[in-house]
Amino acid sequence: FPSFEVTENLYACLYDMVDYLLIPSLYEGGPMALLEALSTGIPVIAADVGWVSDFAREAAVGDLTIFVPGDVEALKRLLTGLVAPRLRRRRLVEGMSYGRYAADLVAFFGRIKEMR
């Protein structure tokens, strides 16, 4: 069996690769994944099952977001709210590329050259 330290490092590596953890359980004894995610600083979206609400009272805004188990519309609103800002940021730079940047620079310097 791996030591606790090795296991803890593996969890840290796993959670470093995600933006947030979604726990959509209808029934849950824990969930342990809530503890793992929060201990590595990852925000959690979780159905109010098991001991989730115990942590909600202490969690900072954005650290733990809770929805009613089975409420698909609430979960959809939460996930849409998370994705919307990312999509807005992505649209800001849509169509930009190194090639376009280079072409814009060439055009810019061409205009400067014409002014001389």
PDB file of N, CA and C in Angstrom:
ATOM      1  N   PHE A   1       0.829  -1.188   0.000  1.00  0.00           N
ATOM      2  CA  PHE A   1       0.000   0.000   0.000  1.00  0.00           C
ATOM      3  C   PHE A   1       0.872   1.250   0.000  1.00  0.00           C
ATOM      4  N   PRO A   2       0.481   2.266  -0.786  1.00  0.00           N
ATOM      5  CA  PRO A   2       1.272   3.499  -0.789  1.00  0.00           C
ATOM      6  C   PRO A   2       1.126   4.227   0.543  1.00  0.00           C
ATOM      7  N   SER A   3       2.156   4.973   0.876  1.00  0.00           N
ATOM      8  CA  SER A   3       2.105   5.733   2.124  1.00  0.00           C
ATOM      9  C   SER A   3       1.092   6.866   1.991  1.00  0.00           C
ATOM     10  N   PHE A   4       0.677   7.408   3.127  1.00  0.00           N
ATOM     11  CA  PHE A   4      -0.272   8.517   3.130  1.00  0.00           C
ATOM     12  C   PHE A   4       0.283   9.701   2.349  1.00  0.00           C
ATOM     13  N   GLU A   5       1.574   9.968   2.500  1.00  0.00           N
ATOM     14  CA  GLU A   5       2.199  11.109   1.824  1.00  0.00           C
ATOM     15  C   GLU A   5       2.130  10.950   0.314  1.00  0.00           C
ATOM     16  N   VAL A   6       2.412   9.743  -0.188  1.00  0.00           N
ATOM     17  CA  VAL A   6       2.355   9.492  -1.623  1.00  0.00           C
ATOM     18  C   VAL A   6       0.925   9.668  -2.119  1.00  0.00           C
ATOM     19  N   THR A   7      -0.040   9.113  -1.407  1.00  0.00           N
ATOM     20  CA  THR A   7      -1.441   9.222  -1.787  1.00  0.00           C
ATOM     21  C   THR A   7      -1.884  10.681  -1.791  1.00  0.00           C
ATOM     22  N   GLU A   8      -1.492  11.420  -0.774  1.00  0.00           N
ATOM     23  CA  GLU A   8      -1.853  12.840  -0.683  1.00  0.00           C
ATOM     24  C   GLU A   8      -1.272  13.622  -1.863  1.00  0.00           C
ATOM     25  N   ASN A   9      -0.035  13.312  -2.251  1.00  0.00           N
ATOM     26  CA  ASN A   9       0.584  13.985  -3.392  1.00  0.00           C
ATOM     27  C   ASN A   9      -0.138  13.652  -4.692  1.00  0.00           C
ATOM     28  N   LEU A  10      -0.596  12.420  -4.837  1.00  0.00           N
ATOM     29  CA  LEU A  10      -1.333  12.041  -6.038  1.00  0.00           C
ATOM     30  C   LEU A  10      -2.646  12.795  -6.132  1.00  0.00           C
ATOM     31  N   TYR A  11      -3.353  12.929  -5.001  1.00  0.00           N
ATOM     32  CA  TYR A  11      -4.594  13.700  -4.991  1.00  0.00           C
ATOM     33  C   TYR A  11      -4.315  15.155  -5.346  1.00  0.00           C
ATOM     34  N   ALA A  12      -3.254  15.710  -4.806  1.00  0.00           N
ATOM     35  CA  ALA A  12      -2.904  17.100  -5.103  1.00  0.00           C
ATOM     36  C   ALA A  12      -2.641  17.269  -6.593  1.00  0.00           C
ATOM     37  N   CYS A  13      -1.942  16.325  -7.201  1.00  0.00           N
ATOM     38  CA  CYS A  13      -1.675  16.377  -8.644  1.00  0.00           C
ATOM     39  C   CYS A  13      -2.978  16.288  -9.435  1.00  0.00           C
ATOM     40  N   LEU A  14      -3.861  15.401  -9.030  1.00  0.00           N
ATOM     41  CA  LEU A  14      -5.144  15.252  -9.708  1.00  0.00           C
ATOM     42  C   LEU A  14      -5.952  16.540  -9.629  1.00  0.00           C
ATOM     43  N   TYR A  15      -6.087  17.081  -8.443  1.00  0.00           N
ATOM     44  CA  TYR A  15      -6.916  18.269  -8.269  1.00  0.00           C
ATOM     45  C   TYR A  15      -6.282  19.517  -8.871  1.00  0.00           C
ATOM     46  N   ASP A  16      -4.976  19.512  -9.072  1.00  0.00           N
ATOM     47  CA  ASP A  16      -4.325  20.639  -9.754  1.00  0.00           C
ATOM     48  C   ASP A  16      -4.733  20.721 -11.222  1.00  0.00           C
ATOM     49  N   MET A  17      -5.266  19.622 -11.760  1.00  0.00           N
ATOM     50  CA  MET A  17      -5.631  19.582 -13.174  1.00  0.00           C
ATOM     51  C   MET A  17      -7.077  19.991 -13.443  1.00  0.00           C
ATOM     52  N   VAL A  18      -7.852  20.296 -12.403  1.00  0.00           N
ATOM     53  CA  VAL A  18      -9.256  20.633 -12.613  1.00  0.00           C
ATOM     54  C   VAL A  18      -9.549  22.053 -12.128  1.00  0.00           C
ATOM     55  N   ASP A  19     -10.586  22.650 -12.715  1.00  0.00           N
ATOM     56  CA  ASP A  19     -10.994  23.997 -12.310  1.00  0.00           C
ATOM     57  C   ASP A  19     -11.919  23.966 -11.107  1.00  0.00           C
ATOM     58  N   TYR A  20     -12.740  22.936 -11.034  1.00  0.00           N
ATOM     59  CA  TYR A  20     -13.658  22.757  -9.920  1.00  0.00           C
ATOM     60  C   TYR A  20     -14.102  21.300  -9.900  1.00  0.00           C
ATOM     61  N   LEU A  21     -14.691  20.889  -8.788  1.00  0.00           N
ATOM     62  CA  LEU A  21     -15.193  19.525  -8.665  1.00  0.00           C
ATOM     63  C   LEU A  21     -16.713  19.572  -8.587  1.00  0.00           C
ATOM     64  N   LEU A  22     -17.367  18.739  -9.371  1.00  0.00           N
ATOM     65  CA  LEU A  22     -18.813  18.628  -9.354  1.00  0.00           C
ATOM     66  C   LEU A  22     -19.192  17.315  -8.678  1.00  0.00           C
ATOM     67  N   ILE A  23     -20.034  17.417  -7.638  1.00  0.00           N
ATOM     68  CA  ILE A  23     -20.538  16.226  -6.946  1.00  0.00           C
ATOM     69  C   ILE A  23     -22.066  16.250  -7.085  1.00  0.00           C
ATOM     70  N   PRO A  24     -22.601  15.589  -8.123  1.00  0.00           N
ATOM     71  CA  PRO A  24     -24.045  15.643  -8.378  1.00  0.00           C
ATOM     72  C   PRO A  24     -24.835  14.520  -7.701  1.00  0.00           C
ATOM     73  N   SER A  25     -24.327  13.972  -6.626  1.00  0.00           N
ATOM     74  CA  SER A  25     -24.933  12.807  -5.969  1.00  0.00           C
ATOM     75  C   SER A  25     -26.366  13.056  -5.524  1.00  0.00           C
ATOM     76  N   LEU A  26     -27.156  11.995  -5.591  1.00  0.00           N
ATOM     77  CA  LEU A  26     -28.500  12.038  -5.003  1.00  0.00           C
ATOM     78  C   LEU A  26     -28.439  11.604  -3.540  1.00  0.00           C
ATOM     79  N   TYR A  27     -27.542  10.665  -3.241  1.00  0.00           N
ATOM     80  CA  TYR A  27     -27.330  10.165  -1.882  1.00  0.00           C
ATOM     81  C   TYR A  27     -25.833  10.049  -1.668  1.00  0.00           C
ATOM     82  N   GLU A  28     -25.388  10.326  -0.482  1.00  0.00           N
ATOM     83  CA  GLU A  28     -23.953  10.290  -0.230  1.00  0.00           C
ATOM     84  C   GLU A  28     -23.715  10.173   1.264  1.00  0.00           C
ATOM     85  N   GLY A  29     -22.742   9.358   1.614  1.00  0.00           N
ATOM     86  CA  GLY A  29     -22.375   9.252   3.027  1.00  0.00           C
ATOM     87  C   GLY A  29     -21.442  10.364   3.441  1.00  0.00           C
ATOM     88  N   GLY A  30     -20.641  10.851   2.539  1.00  0.00           N
ATOM     89  CA  GLY A  30     -19.638  11.883   2.832  1.00  0.00           C
ATOM     90  C   GLY A  30     -19.998  13.201   2.190  1.00  0.00           C
ATOM     91  N   PRO A  31     -19.463  13.476   1.102  1.00  0.00           N
ATOM     92  CA  PRO A  31     -18.542  12.744   0.244  1.00  0.00           C
ATOM     93  C   PRO A  31     -17.078  13.081   0.538  1.00  0.00           C
ATOM     94  N   MET A  32     -16.229  12.085   0.469  1.00  0.00           N
ATOM     95  CA  MET A  32     -14.803  12.288   0.719  1.00  0.00           C
ATOM     96  C   MET A  32     -14.170  13.202  -0.329  1.00  0.00           C
ATOM     97  N   ALA A  33     -14.674  13.144  -1.565  1.00  0.00           N
ATOM     98  CA  ALA A  33     -14.115  13.996  -2.623  1.00  0.00           C
ATOM     99  C   ALA A  33     -14.246  15.479  -2.264  1.00  0.00           C
ATOM    100  N   LEU A  34     -15.265  15.833  -1.502  1.00  0.00           N
ATOM    101  CA  LEU A  34     -15.426  17.214  -1.031  1.00  0.00           C
ATOM    102  C   LEU A  34     -14.231  17.620  -0.178  1.00  0.00           C
ATOM    103  N   LEU A  35     -13.851  16.758   0.738  1.00  0.00           N
ATOM    104  CA  LEU A  35     -12.702  17.039   1.606  1.00  0.00           C
ATOM    105  C   LEU A  35     -11.422  17.140   0.790  1.00  0.00           C
ATOM    106  N   GLU A  36     -11.247  16.222  -0.153  1.00  0.00           N
ATOM    107  CA  GLU A  36     -10.035  16.223  -0.973  1.00  0.00           C
ATOM    108  C   GLU A  36      -9.927  17.516  -1.784  1.00  0.00           C
ATOM    109  N   ALA A  37     -11.029  17.900  -2.429  1.00  0.00           N
ATOM    110  CA  ALA A  37     -11.008  19.101  -3.266  1.00  0.00           C
ATOM    111  C   ALA A  37     -10.764  20.352  -2.432  1.00  0.00           C
ATOM    112  N   LEU A  38     -11.501  20.506  -1.346  1.00  0.00           N
ATOM    113  CA  LEU A  38     -11.328  21.696  -0.514  1.00  0.00           C
ATOM    114  C   LEU A  38      -9.935  21.756   0.090  1.00  0.00           C
ATOM    115  N   SER A  39      -9.369  20.600   0.436  1.00  0.00           N
ATOM    116  CA  SER A  39      -8.036  20.597   1.044  1.00  0.00           C
ATOM    117  C   SER A  39      -6.950  20.989   0.050  1.00  0.00           C
ATOM    118  N   THR A  40      -7.255  20.868  -1.253  1.00  0.00           N
ATOM    119  CA  THR A  40      -6.284  21.282  -2.266  1.00  0.00           C
ATOM    120  C   THR A  40      -6.652  22.638  -2.874  1.00  0.00           C
ATOM    121  N   GLY A  41      -7.702  23.280  -2.345  1.00  0.00           N
ATOM    122  CA  GLY A  41      -8.063  24.620  -2.783  1.00  0.00           C
ATOM    123  C   GLY A  41      -8.949  24.684  -4.011  1.00  0.00           C
ATOM    124  N   ILE A  42      -9.539  23.567  -4.399  1.00  0.00           N
ATOM    125  CA  ILE A  42     -10.401  23.536  -5.580  1.00  0.00           C
ATOM    126  C   ILE A  42     -11.834  23.837  -5.175  1.00  0.00           C
ATOM    127  N   PRO A  43     -12.515  24.758  -5.872  1.00  0.00           N
ATOM    128  CA  PRO A  43     -13.919  25.022  -5.569  1.00  0.00           C
ATOM    129  C   PRO A  43     -14.781  23.801  -5.893  1.00  0.00           C
ATOM    130  N   VAL A  44     -15.870  23.667  -5.159  1.00  0.00           N
ATOM    131  CA  VAL A  44     -16.749  22.498  -5.306  1.00  0.00           C
ATOM    132  C   VAL A  44     -18.180  22.959  -5.568  1.00  0.00           C
ATOM    133  N   ILE A  45     -18.843  22.251  -6.480  1.00  0.00           N
ATOM    134  CA  ILE A  45     -20.282  22.386  -6.692  1.00  0.00           C
ATOM    135  C   ILE A  45     -20.848  21.044  -6.281  1.00  0.00           C
ATOM    136  N   ALA A  46     -21.748  21.052  -5.312  1.00  0.00           N
ATOM    137  CA  ALA A  46     -22.220  19.773  -4.783  1.00  0.00           C
ATOM    138  C   ALA A  46     -23.702  19.802  -4.459  1.00  0.00           C
ATOM    139  N   ALA A  47     -24.329  18.657  -4.659  1.00  0.00           N
ATOM    140  CA  ALA A  47     -25.696  18.480  -4.186  1.00  0.00           C
ATOM    141  C   ALA A  47     -25.649  18.463  -2.659  1.00  0.00           C
ATOM    142  N   ASP A  48     -26.688  18.956  -2.038  1.00  0.00           N
ATOM    143  CA  ASP A  48     -26.746  19.019  -0.576  1.00  0.00           C
ATOM    144  C   ASP A  48     -27.043  17.624  -0.022  1.00  0.00           C
ATOM    145  N   VAL A  49     -26.013  16.799   0.014  1.00  0.00           N
ATOM    146  CA  VAL A  49     -26.117  15.427   0.521  1.00  0.00           C
ATOM    147  C   VAL A  49     -25.018  15.199   1.546  1.00  0.00           C
ATOM    148  N   GLY A  50     -25.171  14.164   2.347  1.00  0.00           N
ATOM    149  CA  GLY A  50     -24.139  13.825   3.326  1.00  0.00           C
ATOM    150  C   GLY A  50     -23.786  15.009   4.193  1.00  0.00           C
ATOM    151  N   TRP A  51     -22.499  15.257   4.337  1.00  0.00           N
ATOM    152  CA  TRP A  51     -22.062  16.348   5.211  1.00  0.00           C
ATOM    153  C   TRP A  51     -21.752  17.637   4.450  1.00  0.00           C
ATOM    154  N   VAL A  52     -22.199  17.746   3.198  1.00  0.00           N
ATOM    155  CA  VAL A  52     -21.922  18.924   2.379  1.00  0.00           C
ATOM    156  C   VAL A  52     -22.372  20.203   3.076  1.00  0.00           C
ATOM    157  N   SER A  53     -23.587  20.210   3.617  1.00  0.00           N
ATOM    158  CA  SER A  53     -24.101  21.435   4.246  1.00  0.00           C
ATOM    159  C   SER A  53     -23.299  21.822   5.485  1.00  0.00           C
ATOM    160  N   ASP A  54     -22.653  20.860   6.157  1.00  0.00           N
ATOM    161  CA  ASP A  54     -21.814  21.183   7.311  1.00  0.00           C
ATOM    162  C   ASP A  54     -20.666  22.105   6.907  1.00  0.00           C
ATOM    163  N   PHE A  55     -20.111  21.883   5.717  1.00  0.00           N
ATOM    164  CA  PHE A  55     -18.994  22.695   5.245  1.00  0.00           C
ATOM    165  C   PHE A  55     -19.455  24.006   4.628  1.00  0.00           C
ATOM    166  N   ALA A  56     -20.699  24.021   4.132  1.00  0.00           N
ATOM    167  CA  ALA A  56     -21.215  25.219   3.477  1.00  0.00           C
ATOM    168  C   ALA A  56     -21.257  26.404   4.431  1.00  0.00           C
ATOM    169  N   ARG A  57     -21.517  26.153   5.695  1.00  0.00           N
ATOM    170  CA  ARG A  57     -21.597  27.255   6.665  1.00  0.00           C
ATOM    171  C   ARG A  57     -20.254  27.946   6.839  1.00  0.00           C
ATOM    172  N   GLU A  58     -19.171  27.213   6.683  1.00  0.00           N
ATOM    173  CA  GLU A  58     -17.826  27.757   6.899  1.00  0.00           C
ATOM    174  C   GLU A  58     -17.121  28.183   5.612  1.00  0.00           C
ATOM    175  N   ALA A  59     -17.586  27.681   4.481  1.00  0.00           N
ATOM    176  CA  ALA A  59     -16.893  27.936   3.207  1.00  0.00           C
ATOM    177  C   ALA A  59     -17.058  29.385   2.776  1.00  0.00           C
ATOM    178  N   ALA A  60     -16.020  29.908   2.148  1.00  0.00           N
ATOM    179  CA  ALA A  60     -16.093  31.252   1.574  1.00  0.00           C
ATOM    180  C   ALA A  60     -16.923  31.191   0.296  1.00  0.00           C
ATOM    181  N   VAL A  61     -17.470  32.314  -0.102  1.00  0.00           N
ATOM    182  CA  VAL A  61     -18.252  32.379  -1.331  1.00  0.00           C
ATOM    183  C   VAL A  61     -17.385  31.898  -2.490  1.00  0.00           C
ATOM    184  N   GLY A  62     -17.913  30.971  -3.263  1.00  0.00           N
ATOM    185  CA  GLY A  62     -17.182  30.432  -4.402  1.00  0.00           C
ATOM    186  C   GLY A  62     -16.402  29.165  -4.085  1.00  0.00           C
ATOM    187  N   ASP A  63     -16.160  28.897  -2.796  1.00  0.00           N
ATOM    188  CA  ASP A  63     -15.443  27.675  -2.435  1.00  0.00           C
ATOM    189  C   ASP A  63     -16.353  26.456  -2.512  1.00  0.00           C
ATOM    190  N   LEU A  64     -17.610  26.644  -2.099  1.00  0.00           N
ATOM    191  CA  LEU A  64     -18.561  25.534  -2.094  1.00  0.00           C
ATOM    192  C   LEU A  64     -19.935  26.066  -2.468  1.00  0.00           C
ATOM    193  N   THR A  65     -20.444  25.609  -3.595  1.00  0.00           N
ATOM    194  CA  THR A  65     -21.762  25.999  -4.074  1.00  0.00           C
ATOM    195  C   THR A  65     -22.657  24.780  -4.002  1.00  0.00           C
ATOM    196  N   ILE A  66     -23.805  24.949  -3.376  1.00  0.00           N
ATOM    197  CA  ILE A  66     -24.703  23.809  -3.125  1.00  0.00           C
ATOM    198  C   ILE A  66     -25.994  23.962  -3.922  1.00  0.00           C
ATOM    199  N   PHE A  67     -26.506  22.828  -4.382  1.00  0.00           N
ATOM    200  CA  PHE A  67     -27.823  22.796  -5.022  1.00  0.00           C
ATOM    201  C   PHE A  67     -28.609  21.613  -4.472  1.00  0.00           C
ATOM    202  N   VAL A  68     -29.915  21.656  -4.641  1.00  0.00           N
ATOM    203  CA  VAL A  68     -30.800  20.597  -4.150  1.00  0.00           C
ATOM    204  C   VAL A  68     -30.572  19.343  -4.979  1.00  0.00           C
ATOM    205  N   PRO A  69     -30.357  18.201  -4.329  1.00  0.00           N
ATOM    206  CA  PRO A  69     -30.134  16.955  -5.079  1.00  0.00           C
ATOM    207  C   PRO A  69     -31.263  16.689  -6.081  1.00  0.00           C
ATOM    208  N   GLY A  70     -30.894  16.378  -7.306  1.00  0.00           N
ATOM    209  CA  GLY A  70     -31.874  16.066  -8.337  1.00  0.00           C
ATOM    210  C   GLY A  70     -32.438  17.280  -9.057  1.00  0.00           C
ATOM    211  N   ASP A  71     -32.104  18.491  -8.625  1.00  0.00           N
ATOM    212  CA  ASP A  71     -32.606  19.710  -9.275  1.00  0.00           C
ATOM    213  C   ASP A  71     -31.733  20.020 -10.488  1.00  0.00           C
ATOM    214  N   VAL A  72     -32.121  19.431 -11.605  1.00  0.00           N
ATOM    215  CA  VAL A  72     -31.348  19.543 -12.829  1.00  0.00           C
ATOM    216  C   VAL A  72     -31.273  20.985 -13.310  1.00  0.00           C
ATOM    217  N   GLU A  73     -32.351  21.731 -13.194  1.00  0.00           N
ATOM    218  CA  GLU A  73     -32.364  23.125 -13.647  1.00  0.00           C
ATOM    219  C   GLU A  73     -31.406  23.982 -12.817  1.00  0.00           C
ATOM    220  N   ALA A  74     -31.366  23.761 -11.507  1.00  0.00           N
ATOM    221  CA  ALA A  74     -30.435  24.512 -10.651  1.00  0.00           C
ATOM    222  C   ALA A  74     -28.995  24.195 -11.026  1.00  0.00           C
ATOM    223  N   LEU A  75     -28.719  22.927 -11.262  1.00  0.00           N
ATOM    224  CA  LEU A  75     -27.369  22.525 -11.657  1.00  0.00           C
ATOM    225  C   LEU A  75     -27.008  23.142 -13.003  1.00  0.00           C
ATOM    226  N   LYS A  76     -27.965  23.147 -13.934  1.00  0.00           N
ATOM    227  CA  LYS A  76     -27.731  23.740 -15.250  1.00  0.00           C
ATOM    228  C   LYS A  76     -27.414  25.228 -15.110  1.00  0.00           C
ATOM    229  N   ARG A  77     -28.156  25.948 -14.254  1.00  0.00           N
ATOM    230  CA  ARG A  77     -27.887  27.384 -14.043  1.00  0.00           C
ATOM    231  C   ARG A  77     -26.496  27.596 -13.453  1.00  0.00           C
ATOM    232  N   LEU A  78     -26.128  26.769 -12.482  1.00  0.00           N
ATOM    233  CA  LEU A  78     -24.806  26.900 -11.863  1.00  0.00           C
ATOM    234  C   LEU A  78     -23.686  26.690 -12.878  1.00  0.00           C
ATOM    235  N   LEU A  79     -23.801  25.635 -13.654  1.00  0.00           N
ATOM    236  CA  LEU A  79     -22.754  25.323 -14.627  1.00  0.00           C
ATOM    237  C   LEU A  79     -22.701  26.367 -15.742  1.00  0.00           C
ATOM    238  N   THR A  80     -23.858  26.831 -16.182  1.00  0.00           N
ATOM    239  CA  THR A  80     -23.897  27.883 -17.196  1.00  0.00           C
ATOM    240  C   THR A  80     -23.247  29.149 -16.660  1.00  0.00           C
ATOM    241  N   GLY A  81     -23.506  29.458 -15.393  1.00  0.00           N
ATOM    242  CA  GLY A  81     -22.894  30.631 -14.769  1.00  0.00           C
ATOM    243  C   GLY A  81     -21.380  30.519 -14.685  1.00  0.00           C
ATOM    244  N   LEU A  82     -20.878  29.320 -14.492  1.00  0.00           N
ATOM    245  CA  LEU A  82     -19.433  29.113 -14.452  1.00  0.00           C
ATOM    246  C   LEU A  82     -18.798  29.256 -15.827  1.00  0.00           C
ATOM    247  N   VAL A  83     -19.474  28.744 -16.822  1.00  0.00           N
ATOM    248  CA  VAL A  83     -18.916  28.729 -18.171  1.00  0.00           C
ATOM    249  C   VAL A  83     -19.037  30.091 -18.859  1.00  0.00           C
ATOM    250  N   ALA A  84     -20.087  30.848 -18.554  1.00  0.00           N
ATOM    251  CA  ALA A  84     -20.345  32.116 -19.249  1.00  0.00           C
ATOM    252  C   ALA A  84     -19.160  33.081 -19.205  1.00  0.00           C
ATOM    253  N   PRO A  85     -18.546  33.345 -18.045  1.00  0.00           N
ATOM    254  CA  PRO A  85     -17.408  34.273 -18.038  1.00  0.00           C
ATOM    255  C   PRO A  85     -16.234  33.781 -18.886  1.00  0.00           C
ATOM    256  N   ARG A  86     -15.994  32.491 -18.857  1.00  0.00           N
ATOM    257  CA  ARG A  86     -14.901  31.919 -19.659  1.00  0.00           C
ATOM    258  C   ARG A  86     -15.190  32.103 -21.151  1.00  0.00           C
ATOM    259  N   LEU A  87     -16.438  31.878 -21.552  1.00  0.00           N
ATOM    260  CA  LEU A  87     -16.803  32.053 -22.954  1.00  0.00           C
ATOM    261  C   LEU A  87     -16.706  33.520 -23.371  1.00  0.00           C
ATOM    262  N   ARG A  88     -17.098  34.452 -22.471  1.00  0.00           N
ATOM    263  CA  ARG A  88     -16.961  35.880 -22.776  1.00  0.00           C
ATOM    264  C   ARG A  88     -15.494  36.247 -23.000  1.00  0.00           C
ATOM    265  N   ARG A  89     -14.620  35.752 -22.122  1.00  0.00           N
ATOM    266  CA  ARG A  89     -13.185  36.039 -22.283  1.00  0.00           C
ATOM    267  C   ARG A  89     -12.664  35.452 -23.585  1.00  0.00           C
ATOM    268  N   ARG A  90     -13.111  34.262 -23.926  1.00  0.00           N
ATOM    269  CA  ARG A  90     -12.657  33.619 -25.155  1.00  0.00           C
ATOM    270  C   ARG A  90     -13.104  34.414 -26.381  1.00  0.00           C
ATOM    271  N   ARG A  91     -14.351  34.947 -26.348  1.00  0.00           N
ATOM    272  CA  ARG A  91     -14.853  35.727 -27.480  1.00  0.00           C
ATOM    273  C   ARG A  91     -14.064  37.025 -27.679  1.00  0.00           C
ATOM    274  N   LEU A  92     -13.497  37.565 -26.603  1.00  0.00           N
ATOM    275  CA  LEU A  92     -12.703  38.789 -26.718  1.00  0.00           C
ATOM    276  C   LEU A  92     -11.532  38.628 -27.677  1.00  0.00           C
ATOM    277  N   VAL A  93     -10.975  37.440 -27.739  1.00  0.00           N
ATOM    278  CA  VAL A  93      -9.790  37.211 -28.563  1.00  0.00           C
ATOM    279  C   VAL A  93     -10.067  36.293 -29.757  1.00  0.00           C
ATOM    280  N   GLU A  94     -11.344  36.052 -30.008  1.00  0.00           N
ATOM    281  CA  GLU A  94     -11.719  35.193 -31.124  1.00  0.00           C
ATOM    282  C   GLU A  94     -11.148  35.754 -32.424  1.00  0.00           C
ATOM    283  N   GLY A  95     -10.590  34.933 -33.218  1.00  0.00           N
ATOM    284  CA  GLY A  95     -10.028  35.366 -34.493  1.00  0.00           C
ATOM    285  C   GLY A  95      -8.602  35.876 -34.395  1.00  0.00           C
ATOM    286  N   MET A  96      -8.098  36.015 -33.185  1.00  0.00           N
ATOM    287  CA  MET A  96      -6.721  36.473 -33.027  1.00  0.00           C
ATOM    288  C   MET A  96      -5.777  35.275 -33.167  1.00  0.00           C
ATOM    289  N   SER A  97      -4.619  35.540 -33.740  1.00  0.00           N
ATOM    290  CA  SER A  97      -3.608  34.498 -33.898  1.00  0.00           C
ATOM    291  C   SER A  97      -2.258  35.183 -34.052  1.00  0.00           C
ATOM    292  N   TYR A  98      -1.194  34.403 -34.004  1.00  0.00           N
ATOM    293  CA  TYR A  98       0.131  34.963 -34.238  1.00  0.00           C
ATOM    294  C   TYR A  98       0.222  35.509 -35.659  1.00  0.00           C
ATOM    295  N   GLY A  99      -0.396  34.817 -36.602  1.00  0.00           N
ATOM    296  CA  GLY A  99      -0.389  35.277 -37.992  1.00  0.00           C
ATOM    297  C   GLY A  99      -1.082  36.616 -38.150  1.00  0.00           C
ATOM    298  N   ARG A 100      -2.236  36.766 -37.529  1.00  0.00           N
ATOM    299  CA  ARG A 100      -2.955  38.044 -37.614  1.00  0.00           C
ATOM    300  C   ARG A 100      -2.165  39.146 -36.918  1.00  0.00           C
ATOM    301  N   TYR A 101      -1.569  38.829 -35.772  1.00  0.00           N
ATOM    302  CA  TYR A 101      -0.754  39.801 -35.041  1.00  0.00           C
ATOM    303  C   TYR A 101       0.406  40.278 -35.916  1.00  0.00           C
ATOM    304  N   ALA A 102       1.072  39.340 -36.569  1.00  0.00           N
ATOM    305  CA  ALA A 102       2.198  39.683 -37.436  1.00  0.00           C
ATOM    306  C   ALA A 102       1.726  40.547 -38.605  1.00  0.00           C
ATOM    307  N   ALA A 103       0.593  40.193 -39.198  1.00  0.00           N
ATOM    308  CA  ALA A 103       0.063  40.971 -40.322  1.00  0.00           C
ATOM    309  C   ALA A 103      -0.289  42.386 -39.870  1.00  0.00           C
ATOM    310  N   ASP A 104      -0.873  42.524 -38.695  1.00  0.00           N
ATOM    311  CA  ASP A 104      -1.207  43.851 -38.166  1.00  0.00           C
ATOM    312  C   ASP A 104       0.055  44.679 -37.938  1.00  0.00           C
ATOM    313  N   LEU A 105       1.119  44.045 -37.437  1.00  0.00           N
ATOM    314  CA  LEU A 105       2.382  44.763 -37.240  1.00  0.00           C
ATOM    315  C   LEU A 105       2.986  45.212 -38.561  1.00  0.00           C
ATOM    316  N   VAL A 106       2.973  44.326 -39.553  1.00  0.00           N
ATOM    317  CA  VAL A 106       3.506  44.684 -40.871  1.00  0.00           C
ATOM    318  C   VAL A 106       2.721  45.875 -41.433  1.00  0.00           C
ATOM    319  N   ALA A 107       1.386  45.827 -41.317  1.00  0.00           N
ATOM    320  CA  ALA A 107       0.555  46.933 -41.804  1.00  0.00           C
ATOM    321  C   ALA A 107       0.858  48.219 -41.044  1.00  0.00           C
ATOM    322  N   PHE A 108       1.027  48.124 -39.736  1.00  0.00           N
ATOM    323  CA  PHE A 108       1.321  49.283 -38.894  1.00  0.00           C
ATOM    324  C   PHE A 108       2.643  49.935 -39.323  1.00  0.00           C
ATOM    325  N   PHE A 109       3.679  49.112 -39.451  1.00  0.00           N
ATOM    326  CA  PHE A 109       4.978  49.653 -39.862  1.00  0.00           C
ATOM    327  C   PHE A 109       4.952  50.167 -41.298  1.00  0.00           C
ATOM    328  N   GLY A 110       4.108  49.560 -42.136  1.00  0.00           N
ATOM    329  CA  GLY A 110       3.936  50.060 -43.500  1.00  0.00           C
ATOM    330  C   GLY A 110       3.355  51.473 -43.503  1.00  0.00           C
ATOM    331  N   ARG A 111       2.375  51.708 -42.626  1.00  0.00           N
ATOM    332  CA  ARG A 111       1.768  53.038 -42.521  1.00  0.00           C
ATOM    333  C   ARG A 111       2.801  54.051 -42.005  1.00  0.00           C
ATOM    334  N   ILE A 112       3.624  53.649 -41.037  1.00  0.00           N
ATOM    335  CA  ILE A 112       4.663  54.539 -40.508  1.00  0.00           C
ATOM    336  C   ILE A 112       5.668  54.884 -41.604  1.00  0.00           C
ATOM    337  N   LYS A 113       6.036  53.885 -42.402  1.00  0.00           N
ATOM    338  CA  LYS A 113       7.004  54.101 -43.488  1.00  0.00           C
ATOM    339  C   LYS A 113       6.452  55.093 -44.505  1.00  0.00           C
ATOM    340  N   GLU A 114       5.158  54.987 -44.815  1.00  0.00           N
ATOM    341  CA  GLU A 114       4.522  55.895 -45.771  1.00  0.00           C
ATOM    342  C   GLU A 114       4.510  57.331 -45.238  1.00  0.00           C
ATOM    343  N   MET A 115       4.450  57.502 -43.926  1.00  0.00           N
ATOM    344  CA  MET A 115       4.398  58.823 -43.310  1.00  0.00           C
ATOM    345  C   MET A 115       5.749  59.522 -43.373  1.00  0.00           C
ATOM    346  N   ARG A 116       6.822  58.799 -43.558  1.00  0.00           N
ATOM    347  CA  ARG A 116       8.165  59.385 -43.561  1.00  0.00           C
ATOM    348  C   ARG A 116       8.412  60.008 -44.839  1.00  0.00           C
TER     349      ARG A 116
END
